[in-house]
Amino acid sequence: MLYALRFTGGVPGRRAAALAAGGGRPDDEALLAEALTLLRGHQAMKESRADVLNWVHEARTSISALPDGPARAAFLALCHFVEKRTG
């Protein structure tokens, strides 16, 4: 949503933000569905996905310096989750 809002003339992003805010009614499923539809069709989704994948790559590179063990495995699992969750 923040990526969509930063575009100049980002009417879809601004509309999505207004809908997602729901005028103080975050439980309104119709407003949320419309906001998600607007965001999914917005260029900002591609930009944010590219940033997330870059951050995951950087995290994996840093994690590779850790010794094998449960902590390293947990961090790598988190990277995998974030990568798949945002796909």
C-alpha atoms as a PDB file:
ATOM      1  CA  MET A   1       0.000   0.000   0.000  1.00  0.00           C
ATOM      2  CA  LEU A   2       2.811   2.421   0.846  1.00  0.00           C
ATOM      3  CA  TYR A   3       4.431   1.782  -2.522  1.00  0.00           C
ATOM      4  CA  ALA A   4       1.165   2.545  -4.305  1.00  0.00           C
ATOM      5  CA  LEU A   5       0.668   5.761  -2.355  1.00  0.00           C
ATOM      6  CA  ARG A   6       4.048   7.196  -3.293  1.00  0.00           C
ATOM      7  CA  PHE A   7       3.255   7.268  -7.018  1.00  0.00           C
ATOM      8  CA  THR A   8       2.333  10.749  -8.213  1.00  0.00           C
ATOM      9  CA  GLY A   9      -1.255  10.780  -9.294  1.00  0.00           C
ATOM     10  CA  GLY A  10      -1.581   7.377  -7.660  1.00  0.00           C
ATOM     11  CA  VAL A  11      -5.356   7.395  -7.674  1.00  0.00           C
ATOM     12  CA  PRO A  12      -5.647   3.570  -7.479  1.00  0.00           C
ATOM     13  CA  GLY A  13      -3.233   3.535  -4.569  1.00  0.00           C
ATOM     14  CA  ARG A  14      -5.007   6.341  -2.759  1.00  0.00           C
ATOM     15  CA  ARG A  15      -8.395   4.741  -3.397  1.00  0.00           C
ATOM     16  CA  ALA A  16      -7.066   1.410  -2.134  1.00  0.00           C
ATOM     17  CA  ALA A  17      -5.747   3.083   1.017  1.00  0.00           C
ATOM     18  CA  ALA A  18      -9.072   4.762   1.650  1.00  0.00           C
ATOM     19  CA  LEU A  19     -10.909   1.497   1.097  1.00  0.00           C
ATOM     20  CA  ALA A  20      -8.534  -0.512   3.268  1.00  0.00           C
ATOM     21  CA  ALA A  21      -8.909   2.040   6.044  1.00  0.00           C
ATOM     22  CA  GLY A  22     -12.632   1.472   5.647  1.00  0.00           C
ATOM     23  CA  GLY A  23     -13.498   4.757   7.258  1.00  0.00           C
ATOM     24  CA  GLY A  24     -12.669   3.159  10.585  1.00  0.00           C
ATOM     25  CA  ARG A  25     -14.350  -0.118   9.614  1.00  0.00           C
ATOM     26  CA  PRO A  26     -11.538  -2.614   8.927  1.00  0.00           C
ATOM     27  CA  ASP A  27     -14.078  -5.457   9.127  1.00  0.00           C
ATOM     28  CA  ASP A  28     -15.874  -4.453   5.903  1.00  0.00           C
ATOM     29  CA  GLU A  29     -14.998  -7.344   3.586  1.00  0.00           C
ATOM     30  CA  ALA A  30     -16.320  -5.620   0.434  1.00  0.00           C
ATOM     31  CA  LEU A  31     -14.091  -2.579   0.965  1.00  0.00           C
ATOM     32  CA  LEU A  32     -11.094  -4.768   1.686  1.00  0.00           C
ATOM     33  CA  ALA A  33     -11.744  -6.872  -1.433  1.00  0.00           C
ATOM     34  CA  GLU A  34     -11.937  -3.743  -3.603  1.00  0.00           C
ATOM     35  CA  ALA A  35      -8.721  -2.384  -2.076  1.00  0.00           C
ATOM     36  CA  LEU A  36      -6.911  -5.659  -2.764  1.00  0.00           C
ATOM     37  CA  THR A  37      -8.157  -5.720  -6.357  1.00  0.00           C
ATOM     38  CA  LEU A  38      -6.841  -2.193  -6.930  1.00  0.00           C
ATOM     39  CA  LEU A  39      -3.494  -2.983  -5.354  1.00  0.00           C
ATOM     40  CA  ARG A  40      -2.975  -6.250  -7.216  1.00  0.00           C
ATOM     41  CA  GLY A  41      -3.287  -4.415 -10.524  1.00  0.00           C
ATOM     42  CA  HIS A  42      -0.902  -1.645  -9.502  1.00  0.00           C
ATOM     43  CA  GLN A  43       2.756  -1.359 -10.569  1.00  0.00           C
ATOM     44  CA  ALA A  44       3.645  -0.927  -6.911  1.00  0.00           C
ATOM     45  CA  MET A  45       3.071  -4.642  -6.333  1.00  0.00           C
ATOM     46  CA  LYS A  46       5.903  -5.523  -8.724  1.00  0.00           C
ATOM     47  CA  GLU A  47       8.221  -3.005  -7.087  1.00  0.00           C
ATOM     48  CA  SER A  48       7.484  -4.169  -3.573  1.00  0.00           C
ATOM     49  CA  ARG A  49       7.909  -7.827  -4.579  1.00  0.00           C
ATOM     50  CA  ALA A  50      11.298  -7.045  -6.123  1.00  0.00           C
ATOM     51  CA  ASP A  51      12.391  -5.304  -2.918  1.00  0.00           C
ATOM     52  CA  VAL A  52      11.237  -8.209  -0.764  1.00  0.00           C
ATOM     53  CA  LEU A  53      13.148 -10.700  -2.908  1.00  0.00           C
ATOM     54  CA  ASN A  54      16.249  -8.523  -2.669  1.00  0.00           C
ATOM     55  CA  TRP A  55      15.960  -8.357   1.125  1.00  0.00           C
ATOM     56  CA  VAL A  56      15.498 -12.131   1.306  1.00  0.00           C
ATOM     57  CA  HIS A  57      18.623 -12.613  -0.804  1.00  0.00           C
ATOM     58  CA  GLU A  58      20.592 -10.248   1.453  1.00  0.00           C
ATOM     59  CA  ALA A  59      19.311 -12.046   4.549  1.00  0.00           C
ATOM     60  CA  ARG A  60      20.280 -15.455   3.174  1.00  0.00           C
ATOM     61  CA  THR A  61      23.756 -14.148   2.393  1.00  0.00           C
ATOM     62  CA  SER A  62      24.149 -12.905   5.964  1.00  0.00           C
ATOM     63  CA  ILE A  63      22.691 -16.094   7.422  1.00  0.00           C
ATOM     64  CA  SER A  64      25.161 -18.210   5.488  1.00  0.00           C
ATOM     65  CA  ALA A  65      27.898 -16.921   7.823  1.00  0.00           C
ATOM     66  CA  LEU A  66      26.184 -18.543  10.808  1.00  0.00           C
ATOM     67  CA  PRO A  67      27.240 -22.012  11.932  1.00  0.00           C
ATOM     68  CA  ASP A  68      24.920 -24.886  11.082  1.00  0.00           C
ATOM     69  CA  GLY A  69      22.339 -25.373  13.760  1.00  0.00           C
ATOM     70  CA  PRO A  70      18.758 -24.694  14.808  1.00  0.00           C
ATOM     71  CA  ALA A  71      19.075 -20.900  14.713  1.00  0.00           C
ATOM     72  CA  ARG A  72      20.425 -20.886  11.147  1.00  0.00           C
ATOM     73  CA  ALA A  73      17.741 -23.342  10.057  1.00  0.00           C
ATOM     74  CA  ALA A  74      15.043 -21.165  11.644  1.00  0.00           C
ATOM     75  CA  PHE A  75      16.311 -18.021   9.917  1.00  0.00           C
ATOM     76  CA  LEU A  76      16.440 -19.796   6.556  1.00  0.00           C
ATOM     77  CA  ALA A  77      12.919 -21.124   7.101  1.00  0.00           C
ATOM     78  CA  LEU A  78      11.766 -17.577   7.820  1.00  0.00           C
ATOM     79  CA  CYS A  79      13.370 -16.386   4.571  1.00  0.00           C
ATOM     80  CA  HIS A  80      11.589 -19.157   2.696  1.00  0.00           C
ATOM     81  CA  PHE A  81       8.271 -18.245   4.338  1.00  0.00           C
ATOM     82  CA  VAL A  82       8.616 -14.538   3.498  1.00  0.00           C
ATOM     83  CA  GLU A  83       9.586 -15.330  -0.084  1.00  0.00           C
ATOM     84  CA  LYS A  84       6.621 -17.661  -0.637  1.00  0.00           C
ATOM     85  CA  ARG A  85       4.134 -15.549   1.357  1.00  0.00           C
ATOM     86  CA  THR A  86       4.741 -12.523  -0.801  1.00  0.00           C
ATOM     87  CA  GLY A  87       4.523 -14.453  -4.062  1.00  0.00           C
END
